[in-house]
Amino acid sequence: MMPDVYFFDSYAIIEILKGNSAYLPYAQAIIVTTKLQVFEVFYSLLRDVGKQEAADFLKRYMQYTIDFDASIIEQAALLKLHYRKNNLSMTDCVGYCLALQIGIRFLTGDRQFEHFVEVEFVK
């Protein structure tokens, strides 16, 4: 059986790296993300655990990144504007819109996205 494909936001990646058992079912999934999410996780690792672990992460996860075009920038900005009271992050808006565009679920534990369509919400 083919593994499932998910767009992993920064939250999901960090929880998997931490070994959160709730994310165990996604450990075998095919990862799709962008350089924006990788930047956020790299920064978090650099701050919390050190340069070597961050560098190891960067080396491992860059292969899972895909690019996005101007249409995603436009959609993400409109989403962020529409939900401005929810204070959605720009990075998450880009990831969510990209996941919708390519037809995969957005994996996150971010409560801001819990009730959005095509979101796999895991705490």
PDB file of N, CA and C in Angstrom:
ATOM      1  N   MET A   1       0.831  -1.180   0.000  1.00  0.00           N
ATOM      2  CA  MET A   1       0.000   0.000   0.000  1.00  0.00           C
ATOM      3  C   MET A   1       0.881   1.251   0.000  1.00  0.00           C
ATOM      4  N   MET A   2       0.507   2.216  -0.800  1.00  0.00           N
ATOM      5  CA  MET A   2       1.244   3.469  -0.939  1.00  0.00           C
ATOM      6  C   MET A   2       1.033   4.334   0.306  1.00  0.00           C
ATOM      7  N   PRO A   3       2.103   4.942   0.843  1.00  0.00           N
ATOM      8  CA  PRO A   3       1.907   5.826   1.999  1.00  0.00           C
ATOM      9  C   PRO A   3       1.117   7.077   1.622  1.00  0.00           C
ATOM     10  N   ASP A   4       0.430   7.642   2.612  1.00  0.00           N
ATOM     11  CA  ASP A   4      -0.322   8.876   2.393  1.00  0.00           C
ATOM     12  C   ASP A   4       0.630  10.044   2.203  1.00  0.00           C
ATOM     13  N   VAL A   5       0.148  11.080   1.540  1.00  0.00           N
ATOM     14  CA  VAL A   5       0.918  12.300   1.297  1.00  0.00           C
ATOM     15  C   VAL A   5       0.246  13.438   2.063  1.00  0.00           C
ATOM     16  N   TYR A   6       1.036  14.188   2.807  1.00  0.00           N
ATOM     17  CA  TYR A   6       0.524  15.329   3.567  1.00  0.00           C
ATOM     18  C   TYR A   6       1.450  16.521   3.384  1.00  0.00           C
ATOM     19  N   PHE A   7       0.854  17.707   3.484  1.00  0.00           N
ATOM     20  CA  PHE A   7       1.667  18.905   3.600  1.00  0.00           C
ATOM     21  C   PHE A   7       1.951  19.075   5.079  1.00  0.00           C
ATOM     22  N   PHE A   8       3.218  18.994   5.468  1.00  0.00           N
ATOM     23  CA  PHE A   8       3.619  19.133   6.864  1.00  0.00           C
ATOM     24  C   PHE A   8       3.921  20.593   7.163  1.00  0.00           C
ATOM     25  N   ASP A   9       3.146  21.188   8.086  1.00  0.00           N
ATOM     26  CA  ASP A   9       3.499  22.530   8.508  1.00  0.00           C
ATOM     27  C   ASP A   9       4.601  22.440   9.564  1.00  0.00           C
ATOM     28  N   SER A  10       5.109  23.580   9.983  1.00  0.00           N
ATOM     29  CA  SER A  10       6.212  23.615  10.947  1.00  0.00           C
ATOM     30  C   SER A  10       5.850  22.895  12.241  1.00  0.00           C
ATOM     31  N   TYR A  11       4.630  23.117  12.705  1.00  0.00           N
ATOM     32  CA  TYR A  11       4.161  22.489  13.934  1.00  0.00           C
ATOM     33  C   TYR A  11       4.268  20.973  13.835  1.00  0.00           C
ATOM     34  N   ALA A  12       3.778  20.411  12.733  1.00  0.00           N
ATOM     35  CA  ALA A  12       3.799  18.959  12.544  1.00  0.00           C
ATOM     36  C   ALA A  12       5.233  18.433  12.512  1.00  0.00           C
ATOM     37  N   ILE A  13       6.102  19.113  11.812  1.00  0.00           N
ATOM     38  CA  ILE A  13       7.504  18.673  11.723  1.00  0.00           C
ATOM     39  C   ILE A  13       8.141  18.681  13.107  1.00  0.00           C
ATOM     40  N   ILE A  14       7.937  19.745  13.864  1.00  0.00           N
ATOM     41  CA  ILE A  14       8.533  19.842  15.202  1.00  0.00           C
ATOM     42  C   ILE A  14       8.001  18.735  16.106  1.00  0.00           C
ATOM     43  N   GLU A  15       6.705  18.472  16.048  1.00  0.00           N
ATOM     44  CA  GLU A  15       6.126  17.422  16.892  1.00  0.00           C
ATOM     45  C   GLU A  15       6.678  16.042  16.523  1.00  0.00           C
ATOM     46  N   ILE A  16       6.879  15.800  15.253  1.00  0.00           N
ATOM     47  CA  ILE A  16       7.471  14.525  14.832  1.00  0.00           C
ATOM     48  C   ILE A  16       8.902  14.424  15.331  1.00  0.00           C
ATOM     49  N   LEU A  17       9.670  15.507  15.198  1.00  0.00           N
ATOM     50  CA  LEU A  17      11.049  15.507  15.678  1.00  0.00           C
ATOM     51  C   LEU A  17      11.119  15.302  17.188  1.00  0.00           C
ATOM     52  N   LYS A  18      10.127  15.821  17.916  1.00  0.00           N
ATOM     53  CA  LYS A  18      10.080  15.665  19.378  1.00  0.00           C
ATOM     54  C   LYS A  18       9.638  14.263  19.793  1.00  0.00           C
ATOM     55  N   GLY A  19       9.092  13.514  18.837  1.00  0.00           N
ATOM     56  CA  GLY A  19       8.621  12.165  19.147  1.00  0.00           C
ATOM     57  C   GLY A  19       7.207  12.123  19.719  1.00  0.00           C
ATOM     58  N   ASN A  20       6.395  13.139  19.440  1.00  0.00           N
ATOM     59  CA  ASN A  20       5.005  13.161  19.908  1.00  0.00           C
ATOM     60  C   ASN A  20       4.276  11.927  19.348  1.00  0.00           C
ATOM     61  N   SER A  21       3.797  11.064  20.238  1.00  0.00           N
ATOM     62  CA  SER A  21       3.168   9.808  19.814  1.00  0.00           C
ATOM     63  C   SER A  21       1.908  10.028  18.976  1.00  0.00           C
ATOM     64  N   ALA A  22       1.249  11.158  19.130  1.00  0.00           N
ATOM     65  CA  ALA A  22       0.061  11.453  18.320  1.00  0.00           C
ATOM     66  C   ALA A  22       0.418  11.565  16.837  1.00  0.00           C
ATOM     67  N   TYR A  23       1.681  11.868  16.560  1.00  0.00           N
ATOM     68  CA  TYR A  23       2.130  12.016  15.169  1.00  0.00           C
ATOM     69  C   TYR A  23       2.746  10.734  14.597  1.00  0.00           C
ATOM     70  N   LEU A  24       2.805   9.696  15.404  1.00  0.00           N
ATOM     71  CA  LEU A  24       3.378   8.424  14.954  1.00  0.00           C
ATOM     72  C   LEU A  24       2.720   7.895  13.677  1.00  0.00           C
ATOM     73  N   PRO A  25       1.391   7.976  13.527  1.00  0.00           N
ATOM     74  CA  PRO A  25       0.773   7.489  12.293  1.00  0.00           C
ATOM     75  C   PRO A  25       1.251   8.213  11.025  1.00  0.00           C
ATOM     76  N   TYR A  26       1.868   9.375  11.178  1.00  0.00           N
ATOM     77  CA  TYR A  26       2.305  10.164  10.025  1.00  0.00           C
ATOM     78  C   TYR A  26       3.796   9.995   9.738  1.00  0.00           C
ATOM     79  N   ALA A  27       4.470   9.218  10.553  1.00  0.00           N
ATOM     80  CA  ALA A  27       5.916   9.035  10.408  1.00  0.00           C
ATOM     81  C   ALA A  27       6.280   8.385   9.074  1.00  0.00           C
ATOM     82  N   GLN A  28       5.384   7.596   8.508  1.00  0.00           N
ATOM     83  CA  GLN A  28       5.654   6.926   7.232  1.00  0.00           C
ATOM     84  C   GLN A  28       5.041   7.663   6.044  1.00  0.00           C
ATOM     85  N   ALA A  29       4.392   8.780   6.297  1.00  0.00           N
ATOM     86  CA  ALA A  29       3.744   9.539   5.221  1.00  0.00           C
ATOM     87  C   ALA A  29       4.795  10.197   4.326  1.00  0.00           C
ATOM     88  N   ILE A  30       4.395  10.494   3.126  1.00  0.00           N
ATOM     89  CA  ILE A  30       5.241  11.262   2.211  1.00  0.00           C
ATOM     90  C   ILE A  30       5.098  12.727   2.602  1.00  0.00           C
ATOM     91  N   ILE A  31       6.226  13.362   2.859  1.00  0.00           N
ATOM     92  CA  ILE A  31       6.265  14.742   3.339  1.00  0.00           C
ATOM     93  C   ILE A  31       6.348  15.704   2.166  1.00  0.00           C
ATOM     94  N   VAL A  32       5.487  16.712   2.208  1.00  0.00           N
ATOM     95  CA  VAL A  32       5.573  17.847   1.292  1.00  0.00           C
ATOM     96  C   VAL A  32       5.577  19.082   2.183  1.00  0.00           C
ATOM     97  N   THR A  33       6.480  20.015   1.922  1.00  0.00           N
ATOM     98  CA  THR A  33       6.561  21.249   2.683  1.00  0.00           C
ATOM     99  C   THR A  33       7.238  22.299   1.807  1.00  0.00           C
ATOM    100  N   THR A  34       7.499  23.474   2.352  1.00  0.00           N
ATOM    101  CA  THR A  34       8.225  24.495   1.599  1.00  0.00           C
ATOM    102  C   THR A  34       9.444  24.943   2.394  1.00  0.00           C
ATOM    103  N   LYS A  35      10.259  25.747   1.769  1.00  0.00           N
ATOM    104  CA  LYS A  35      11.437  26.294   2.444  1.00  0.00           C
ATOM    105  C   LYS A  35      11.038  27.204   3.604  1.00  0.00           C
ATOM    106  N   LEU A  36       9.850  27.779   3.551  1.00  0.00           N
ATOM    107  CA  LEU A  36       9.382  28.629   4.657  1.00  0.00           C
ATOM    108  C   LEU A  36       9.219  27.812   5.936  1.00  0.00           C
ATOM    109  N   GLN A  37       8.582  26.636   5.833  1.00  0.00           N
ATOM    110  CA  GLN A  37       8.421  25.769   6.995  1.00  0.00           C
ATOM    111  C   GLN A  37       9.778  25.264   7.474  1.00  0.00           C
ATOM    112  N   VAL A  38      10.638  24.904   6.531  1.00  0.00           N
ATOM    113  CA  VAL A  38      11.976  24.435   6.899  1.00  0.00           C
ATOM    114  C   VAL A  38      12.735  25.527   7.644  1.00  0.00           C
ATOM    115  N   PHE A  39      12.591  26.772   7.186  1.00  0.00           N
ATOM    116  CA  PHE A  39      13.229  27.890   7.882  1.00  0.00           C
ATOM    117  C   PHE A  39      12.735  27.976   9.325  1.00  0.00           C
ATOM    118  N   GLU A  40      11.410  27.910   9.520  1.00  0.00           N
ATOM    119  CA  GLU A  40      10.862  28.024  10.876  1.00  0.00           C
ATOM    120  C   GLU A  40      11.368  26.915  11.790  1.00  0.00           C
ATOM    121  N   VAL A  41      11.404  25.687  11.293  1.00  0.00           N
ATOM    122  CA  VAL A  41      11.875  24.570  12.115  1.00  0.00           C
ATOM    123  C   VAL A  41      13.374  24.691  12.363  1.00  0.00           C
ATOM    124  N   PHE A  42      14.136  25.057  11.335  1.00  0.00           N
ATOM    125  CA  PHE A  42      15.579  25.254  11.495  1.00  0.00           C
ATOM    126  C   PHE A  42      15.849  26.284  12.587  1.00  0.00           C
ATOM    127  N   TYR A  43      15.150  27.404  12.530  1.00  0.00           N
ATOM    128  CA  TYR A  43      15.317  28.454  13.531  1.00  0.00           C
ATOM    129  C   TYR A  43      14.992  27.931  14.937  1.00  0.00           C
ATOM    130  N   SER A  44      13.890  27.214  15.047  1.00  0.00           N
ATOM    131  CA  SER A  44      13.476  26.657  16.335  1.00  0.00           C
ATOM    132  C   SER A  44      14.527  25.701  16.894  1.00  0.00           C
ATOM    133  N   LEU A  45      15.062  24.848  16.032  1.00  0.00           N
ATOM    134  CA  LEU A  45      16.107  23.909  16.471  1.00  0.00           C
ATOM    135  C   LEU A  45      17.390  24.640  16.839  1.00  0.00           C
ATOM    136  N   LEU A  46      17.749  25.620  16.051  1.00  0.00           N
ATOM    137  CA  LEU A  46      18.940  26.428  16.326  1.00  0.00           C
ATOM    138  C   LEU A  46      18.827  27.079  17.706  1.00  0.00           C
ATOM    139  N   ARG A  47      17.666  27.624  17.984  1.00  0.00           N
ATOM    140  CA  ARG A  47      17.410  28.302  19.257  1.00  0.00           C
ATOM    141  C   ARG A  47      17.363  27.323  20.429  1.00  0.00           C
ATOM    142  N   ASP A  48      16.707  26.162  20.225  1.00  0.00           N
ATOM    143  CA  ASP A  48      16.409  25.271  21.344  1.00  0.00           C
ATOM    144  C   ASP A  48      17.390  24.131  21.566  1.00  0.00           C
ATOM    145  N   VAL A  49      18.020  23.631  20.495  1.00  0.00           N
ATOM    146  CA  VAL A  49      18.899  22.469  20.685  1.00  0.00           C
ATOM    147  C   VAL A  49      20.304  22.635  20.122  1.00  0.00           C
ATOM    148  N   GLY A  50      20.513  23.604  19.250  1.00  0.00           N
ATOM    149  CA  GLY A  50      21.869  23.864  18.794  1.00  0.00           C
ATOM    150  C   GLY A  50      22.077  23.745  17.301  1.00  0.00           C
ATOM    151  N   LYS A  51      23.245  24.229  16.903  1.00  0.00           N
ATOM    152  CA  LYS A  51      23.589  24.358  15.492  1.00  0.00           C
ATOM    153  C   LYS A  51      23.700  23.012  14.769  1.00  0.00           C
ATOM    154  N   GLN A  52      24.301  22.015  15.408  1.00  0.00           N
ATOM    155  CA  GLN A  52      24.493  20.725  14.732  1.00  0.00           C
ATOM    156  C   GLN A  52      23.167  20.034  14.425  1.00  0.00           C
ATOM    157  N   GLU A  53      22.268  19.999  15.407  1.00  0.00           N
ATOM    158  CA  GLU A  53      20.960  19.369  15.193  1.00  0.00           C
ATOM    159  C   GLU A  53      20.170  20.119  14.120  1.00  0.00           C
ATOM    160  N   ALA A  54      20.272  21.432  14.131  1.00  0.00           N
ATOM    161  CA  ALA A  54      19.586  22.248  13.121  1.00  0.00           C
ATOM    162  C   ALA A  54      20.157  21.951  11.734  1.00  0.00           C
ATOM    163  N   ALA A  55      21.470  21.868  11.640  1.00  0.00           N
ATOM    164  CA  ALA A  55      22.119  21.576  10.357  1.00  0.00           C
ATOM    165  C   ALA A  55      21.737  20.184   9.854  1.00  0.00           C
ATOM    166  N   ASP A  56      21.673  19.206  10.757  1.00  0.00           N
ATOM    167  CA  ASP A  56      21.270  17.845  10.377  1.00  0.00           C
ATOM    168  C   ASP A  56      19.843  17.839   9.851  1.00  0.00           C
ATOM    169  N   PHE A  57      18.963  18.565  10.526  1.00  0.00           N
ATOM    170  CA  PHE A  57      17.574  18.678  10.083  1.00  0.00           C
ATOM    171  C   PHE A  57      17.516  19.276   8.679  1.00  0.00           C
ATOM    172  N   LEU A  58      18.241  20.371   8.481  1.00  0.00           N
ATOM    173  CA  LEU A  58      18.231  21.068   7.191  1.00  0.00           C
ATOM    174  C   LEU A  58      18.655  20.136   6.062  1.00  0.00           C
ATOM    175  N   LYS A  59      19.709  19.391   6.313  1.00  0.00           N
ATOM    176  CA  LYS A  59      20.215  18.446   5.314  1.00  0.00           C
ATOM    177  C   LYS A  59      19.162  17.387   4.969  1.00  0.00           C
ATOM    178  N   ARG A  60      18.444  16.902   5.979  1.00  0.00           N
ATOM    179  CA  ARG A  60      17.440  15.852   5.784  1.00  0.00           C
ATOM    180  C   ARG A  60      16.164  16.354   5.117  1.00  0.00           C
ATOM    181  N   TYR A  61      15.692  17.537   5.477  1.00  0.00           N
ATOM    182  CA  TYR A  61      14.361  17.969   5.073  1.00  0.00           C
ATOM    183  C   TYR A  61      14.279  18.806   3.803  1.00  0.00           C
ATOM    184  N   MET A  62      15.378  19.337   3.333  1.00  0.00           N
ATOM    185  CA  MET A  62      15.314  20.147   2.105  1.00  0.00           C
ATOM    186  C   MET A  62      14.767  19.352   0.920  1.00  0.00           C
ATOM    187  N   GLN A  63      14.982  18.061   0.926  1.00  0.00           N
ATOM    188  CA  GLN A  63      14.499  17.222  -0.176  1.00  0.00           C
ATOM    189  C   GLN A  63      12.973  17.179  -0.279  1.00  0.00           C
ATOM    190  N   TYR A  64      12.274  17.562   0.783  1.00  0.00           N
ATOM    191  CA  TYR A  64      10.814  17.506   0.801  1.00  0.00           C
ATOM    192  C   TYR A  64      10.154  18.822   0.390  1.00  0.00           C
ATOM    193  N   THR A  65      10.965  19.832   0.094  1.00  0.00           N
ATOM    194  CA  THR A  65      10.390  21.141  -0.212  1.00  0.00           C
ATOM    195  C   THR A  65       9.972  21.249  -1.673  1.00  0.00           C
ATOM    196  N   ILE A  66       8.861  21.965  -1.869  1.00  0.00           N
ATOM    197  CA  ILE A  66       8.417  22.302  -3.216  1.00  0.00           C
ATOM    198  C   ILE A  66       8.255  23.814  -3.286  1.00  0.00           C
ATOM    199  N   ASP A  67       8.289  24.340  -4.478  1.00  0.00           N
ATOM    200  CA  ASP A  67       8.180  25.779  -4.681  1.00  0.00           C
ATOM    201  C   ASP A  67       6.720  26.160  -4.894  1.00  0.00           C
ATOM    202  N   PHE A  68       6.446  27.432  -4.828  1.00  0.00           N
ATOM    203  CA  PHE A  68       5.103  27.933  -5.084  1.00  0.00           C
ATOM    204  C   PHE A  68       5.202  29.178  -5.958  1.00  0.00           C
ATOM    205  N   ASP A  69       4.095  29.485  -6.617  1.00  0.00           N
ATOM    206  CA  ASP A  69       4.103  30.598  -7.570  1.00  0.00           C
ATOM    207  C   ASP A  69       3.300  31.788  -7.051  1.00  0.00           C
ATOM    208  N   ALA A  70       3.152  32.782  -7.893  1.00  0.00           N
ATOM    209  CA  ALA A  70       2.464  34.017  -7.519  1.00  0.00           C
ATOM    210  C   ALA A  70       1.013  33.774  -7.140  1.00  0.00           C
ATOM    211  N   SER A  71       0.368  32.768  -7.727  1.00  0.00           N
ATOM    212  CA  SER A  71      -1.034  32.509  -7.387  1.00  0.00           C
ATOM    213  C   SER A  71      -1.175  32.084  -5.919  1.00  0.00           C
ATOM    214  N   ILE A  72      -0.198  31.356  -5.414  1.00  0.00           N
ATOM    215  CA  ILE A  72      -0.222  30.944  -4.003  1.00  0.00           C
ATOM    216  C   ILE A  72       0.012  32.150  -3.104  1.00  0.00           C
ATOM    217  N   ILE A  73       0.906  33.037  -3.503  1.00  0.00           N
ATOM    218  CA  ILE A  73       1.138  34.261  -2.728  1.00  0.00           C
ATOM    219  C   ILE A  73      -0.166  35.059  -2.638  1.00  0.00           C
ATOM    220  N   GLU A  74      -0.859  35.176  -3.767  1.00  0.00           N
ATOM    221  CA  GLU A  74      -2.120  35.916  -3.792  1.00  0.00           C
ATOM    222  C   GLU A  74      -3.177  35.254  -2.907  1.00  0.00           C
ATOM    223  N   GLN A  75      -3.344  33.943  -3.063  1.00  0.00           N
ATOM    224  CA  GLN A  75      -4.339  33.209  -2.271  1.00  0.00           C
ATOM    225  C   GLN A  75      -4.022  33.280  -0.778  1.00  0.00           C
ATOM    226  N   ALA A  76      -2.752  33.113  -0.435  1.00  0.00           N
ATOM    227  CA  ALA A  76      -2.336  33.132   0.972  1.00  0.00           C
ATOM    228  C   ALA A  76      -2.567  34.508   1.598  1.00  0.00           C
ATOM    229  N   ALA A  77      -2.282  35.559   0.846  1.00  0.00           N
ATOM    230  CA  ALA A  77      -2.499  36.916   1.352  1.00  0.00           C
ATOM    231  C   ALA A  77      -3.987  37.181   1.556  1.00  0.00           C
ATOM    232  N   LEU A  78      -4.816  36.707   0.621  1.00  0.00           N
ATOM    233  CA  LEU A  78      -6.268  36.875   0.762  1.00  0.00           C
ATOM    234  C   LEU A  78      -6.794  36.096   1.972  1.00  0.00           C
ATOM    235  N   LEU A  79      -6.265  34.892   2.176  1.00  0.00           N
ATOM    236  CA  LEU A  79      -6.649  34.080   3.343  1.00  0.00           C
ATOM    237  C   LEU A  79      -6.257  34.788   4.641  1.00  0.00           C
ATOM    238  N   LYS A  80      -5.036  35.281   4.694  1.00  0.00           N
ATOM    239  CA  LYS A  80      -4.548  35.980   5.886  1.00  0.00           C
ATOM    240  C   LYS A  80      -5.379  37.235   6.150  1.00  0.00           C
ATOM    241  N   LEU A  81      -5.729  37.948   5.090  1.00  0.00           N
ATOM    242  CA  LEU A  81      -6.554  39.146   5.229  1.00  0.00           C
ATOM    243  C   LEU A  81      -7.958  38.795   5.730  1.00  0.00           C
ATOM    244  N   HIS A  82      -8.542  37.757   5.139  1.00  0.00           N
ATOM    245  CA  HIS A  82      -9.893  37.339   5.510  1.00  0.00           C
ATOM    246  C   HIS A  82      -9.973  36.924   6.981  1.00  0.00           C
ATOM    247  N   TYR A  83      -8.931  36.256   7.466  1.00  0.00           N
ATOM    248  CA  TYR A  83      -8.896  35.768   8.847  1.00  0.00           C
ATOM    249  C   TYR A  83      -7.951  36.601   9.715  1.00  0.00           C
ATOM    250  N   ARG A  84      -7.816  37.876   9.416  1.00  0.00           N
ATOM    251  CA  ARG A  84      -6.830  38.714  10.123  1.00  0.00           C
ATOM    252  C   ARG A  84      -7.049  38.750  11.629  1.00  0.00           C
ATOM    253  N   LYS A  85      -8.267  38.589  12.087  1.00  0.00           N
ATOM    254  CA  LYS A  85      -8.528  38.564  13.535  1.00  0.00           C
ATOM    255  C   LYS A  85      -7.976  37.296  14.185  1.00  0.00           C
ATOM    256  N   ASN A  86      -7.759  36.258  13.389  1.00  0.00           N
ATOM    257  CA  ASN A  86      -7.217  34.994  13.906  1.00  0.00           C
ATOM    258  C   ASN A  86      -5.692  34.994  13.967  1.00  0.00           C
ATOM    259  N   ASN A  87      -5.084  36.021  13.389  1.00  0.00           N
ATOM    260  CA  ASN A  87      -3.621  36.149  13.409  1.00  0.00           C
ATOM    261  C   ASN A  87      -2.906  34.917  12.829  1.00  0.00           C
ATOM    262  N   LEU A  88      -3.349  34.472  11.650  1.00  0.00           N
ATOM    263  CA  LEU A  88      -2.697  33.344  10.978  1.00  0.00           C
ATOM    264  C   LEU A  88      -1.298  33.761  10.527  1.00  0.00           C
ATOM    265  N   SER A  89      -0.365  32.843  10.608  1.00  0.00           N
ATOM    266  CA  SER A  89       0.989  33.173  10.144  1.00  0.00           C
ATOM    267  C   SER A  89       1.041  33.141   8.624  1.00  0.00           C
ATOM    268  N   MET A  90       1.880  33.970   8.057  1.00  0.00           N
ATOM    269  CA  MET A  90       2.068  34.013   6.609  1.00  0.00           C
ATOM    270  C   MET A  90       2.529  32.647   6.109  1.00  0.00           C
ATOM    271  N   THR A  91       3.454  32.036   6.822  1.00  0.00           N
ATOM    272  CA  THR A  91       3.993  30.735   6.417  1.00  0.00           C
ATOM    273  C   THR A  91       2.894  29.678   6.373  1.00  0.00           C
ATOM    274  N   ASP A  92       2.034  29.657   7.379  1.00  0.00           N
ATOM    275  CA  ASP A  92       0.945  28.688   7.398  1.00  0.00           C
ATOM    276  C   ASP A  92      -0.071  28.961   6.295  1.00  0.00           C
ATOM    277  N   CYS A  93      -0.340  30.226   6.008  1.00  0.00           N
ATOM    278  CA  CYS A  93      -1.259  30.558   4.918  1.00  0.00           C
ATOM    279  C   CYS A  93      -0.720  30.060   3.582  1.00  0.00           C
ATOM    280  N   VAL A  94       0.565  30.257   3.344  1.00  0.00           N
ATOM    281  CA  VAL A  94       1.191  29.765   2.114  1.00  0.00           C
ATOM    282  C   VAL A  94       1.092  28.238   2.053  1.00  0.00           C
ATOM    283  N   GLY A  95       1.454  27.572   3.140  1.00  0.00           N
ATOM    284  CA  GLY A  95       1.409  26.107   3.167  1.00  0.00           C
ATOM    285  C   GLY A  95       0.013  25.562   2.954  1.00  0.00           C
ATOM    286  N   TYR A  96      -0.956  26.159   3.616  1.00  0.00           N
ATOM    287  CA  TYR A  96      -2.336  25.698   3.496  1.00  0.00           C
ATOM    288  C   TYR A  96      -2.845  25.868   2.061  1.00  0.00           C
ATOM    289  N   CYS A  97      -2.623  27.030   1.481  1.00  0.00           N
ATOM    290  CA  CYS A  97      -3.076  27.278   0.103  1.00  0.00           C
ATOM    291  C   CYS A  97      -2.373  26.357  -0.892  1.00  0.00           C
ATOM    292  N   LEU A  98      -1.106  26.099  -0.672  1.00  0.00           N
ATOM    293  CA  LEU A  98      -0.359  25.195  -1.545  1.00  0.00           C
ATOM    294  C   LEU A  98      -0.896  23.769  -1.425  1.00  0.00           C
ATOM    295  N   ALA A  99      -1.174  23.334  -0.200  1.00  0.00           N
ATOM    296  CA  ALA A  99      -1.742  21.991   0.005  1.00  0.00           C
ATOM    297  C   ALA A  99      -3.071  21.858  -0.745  1.00  0.00           C
ATOM    298  N   LEU A 100      -3.915  22.882  -0.645  1.00  0.00           N
ATOM    299  CA  LEU A 100      -5.195  22.845  -1.366  1.00  0.00           C
ATOM    300  C   LEU A 100      -4.969  22.771  -2.867  1.00  0.00           C
ATOM    301  N   GLN A 101      -4.032  23.571  -3.361  1.00  0.00           N
ATOM    302  CA  GLN A 101      -3.781  23.616  -4.803  1.00  0.00           C
ATOM    303  C   GLN A 101      -3.315  22.265  -5.344  1.00  0.00           C
ATOM    304  N   ILE A 102      -2.477  21.565  -4.594  1.00  0.00           N
ATOM    305  CA  ILE A 102      -1.961  20.288  -5.110  1.00  0.00           C
ATOM    306  C   ILE A 102      -2.801  19.092  -4.667  1.00  0.00           C
ATOM    307  N   GLY A 103      -3.830  19.355  -3.853  1.00  0.00           N
ATOM    308  CA  GLY A 103      -4.790  18.310  -3.514  1.00  0.00           C
ATOM    309  C   GLY A 103      -4.364  17.358  -2.419  1.00  0.00           C
ATOM    310  N   ILE A 104      -3.642  17.867  -1.423  1.00  0.00           N
ATOM    311  CA  ILE A 104      -3.275  17.031  -0.275  1.00  0.00           C
ATOM    312  C   ILE A 104      -3.725  17.713   1.015  1.00  0.00           C
ATOM    313  N   ARG A 105      -3.810  16.926   2.080  1.00  0.00           N
ATOM    314  CA  ARG A 105      -4.249  17.477   3.372  1.00  0.00           C
ATOM    315  C   ARG A 105      -3.106  18.216   4.059  1.00  0.00           C
ATOM    316  N   PHE A 106      -3.466  19.247   4.798  1.00  0.00           N
ATOM    317  CA  PHE A 106      -2.542  20.106   5.544  1.00  0.00           C
ATOM    318  C   PHE A 106      -2.455  19.551   6.960  1.00  0.00           C
ATOM    319  N   LEU A 107      -1.310  19.004   7.333  1.00  0.00           N
ATOM    320  CA  LEU A 107      -1.101  18.392   8.646  1.00  0.00           C
ATOM    321  C   LEU A 107      -0.589  19.440   9.617  1.00  0.00           C
ATOM    322  N   THR A 108      -1.342  19.649  10.702  1.00  0.00           N
ATOM    323  CA  THR A 108      -0.980  20.675  11.674  1.00  0.00           C
ATOM    324  C   THR A 108      -1.580  20.376  13.043  1.00  0.00           C
ATOM    325  N   GLY A 109      -1.037  21.027  14.041  1.00  0.00           N
ATOM    326  CA  GLY A 109      -1.613  21.022  15.380  1.00  0.00           C
ATOM    327  C   GLY A 109      -1.982  22.436  15.778  1.00  0.00           C
ATOM    328  N   ASP A 110      -1.918  23.338  14.825  1.00  0.00           N
ATOM    329  CA  ASP A 110      -2.227  24.747  15.051  1.00  0.00           C
ATOM    330  C   ASP A 110      -3.741  24.934  15.112  1.00  0.00           C
ATOM    331  N   ARG A 111      -4.236  25.317  16.281  1.00  0.00           N
ATOM    332  CA  ARG A 111      -5.688  25.472  16.497  1.00  0.00           C
ATOM    333  C   ARG A 111      -6.348  26.445  15.528  1.00  0.00           C
ATOM    334  N   GLN A 112      -5.574  27.383  14.994  1.00  0.00           N
ATOM    335  CA  GLN A 112      -6.129  28.353  14.047  1.00  0.00           C
ATOM    336  C   GLN A 112      -6.712  27.655  12.809  1.00  0.00           C
ATOM    337  N   PHE A 113      -6.176  26.471  12.488  1.00  0.00           N
ATOM    338  CA  PHE A 113      -6.585  25.752  11.268  1.00  0.00           C
ATOM    339  C   PHE A 113      -7.472  24.544  11.555  1.00  0.00           C
ATOM    340  N   GLU A 114      -7.801  24.313  12.804  1.00  0.00           N
ATOM    341  CA  GLU A 114      -8.500  23.091  13.204  1.00  0.00           C
ATOM    342  C   GLU A 114      -9.772  22.823  12.408  1.00  0.00           C
ATOM    343  N   HIS A 115     -10.536  23.843  12.071  1.00  0.00           N
ATOM    344  CA  HIS A 115     -11.819  23.631  11.404  1.00  0.00           C
ATOM    345  C   HIS A 115     -11.809  23.989   9.918  1.00  0.00           C
ATOM    346  N   PHE A 116     -10.634  24.202   9.370  1.00  0.00           N
ATOM    347  CA  PHE A 116     -10.533  24.470   7.936  1.00  0.00           C
ATOM    348  C   PHE A 116     -10.716  23.153   7.170  1.00  0.00           C
ATOM    349  N   VAL A 117     -11.186  23.267   5.922  1.00  0.00           N
ATOM    350  CA  VAL A 117     -11.333  22.064   5.087  1.00  0.00           C
ATOM    351  C   VAL A 117      -9.959  21.520   4.716  1.00  0.00           C
ATOM    352  N   GLU A 118      -9.909  20.216   4.519  1.00  0.00           N
ATOM    353  CA  GLU A 118      -8.695  19.509   4.104  1.00  0.00           C
ATOM    354  C   GLU A 118      -7.531  19.667   5.083  1.00  0.00           C
ATOM    355  N   VAL A 119      -7.872  19.798   6.368  1.00  0.00           N
ATOM    356  CA  VAL A 119      -6.852  19.885   7.418  1.00  0.00           C
ATOM    357  C   VAL A 119      -6.894  18.606   8.237  1.00  0.00           C
ATOM    358  N   GLU A 120      -5.736  18.051   8.479  1.00  0.00           N
ATOM    359  CA  GLU A 120      -5.569  16.908   9.386  1.00  0.00           C
ATOM    360  C   GLU A 120      -5.023  17.528  10.660  1.00  0.00           C
ATOM    361  N   PHE A 121      -5.918  17.723  11.641  1.00  0.00           N
ATOM    362  CA  PHE A 121      -5.541  18.383  12.884  1.00  0.00           C
ATOM    363  C   PHE A 121      -5.154  17.340  13.921  1.00  0.00           C
ATOM    364  N   VAL A 122      -3.923  17.444  14.413  1.00  0.00           N
ATOM    365  CA  VAL A 122      -3.408  16.504  15.410  1.00  0.00           C
ATOM    366  C   VAL A 122      -2.739  17.301  16.508  1.00  0.00           C
ATOM    367  N   LYS A 123      -3.102  17.053  17.754  1.00  0.00           N
ATOM    368  CA  LYS A 123      -2.500  17.775  18.880  1.00  0.00           C
ATOM    369  C   LYS A 123      -1.380  16.995  19.505  1.00  0.00           C
TER     370      LYS A 123
END
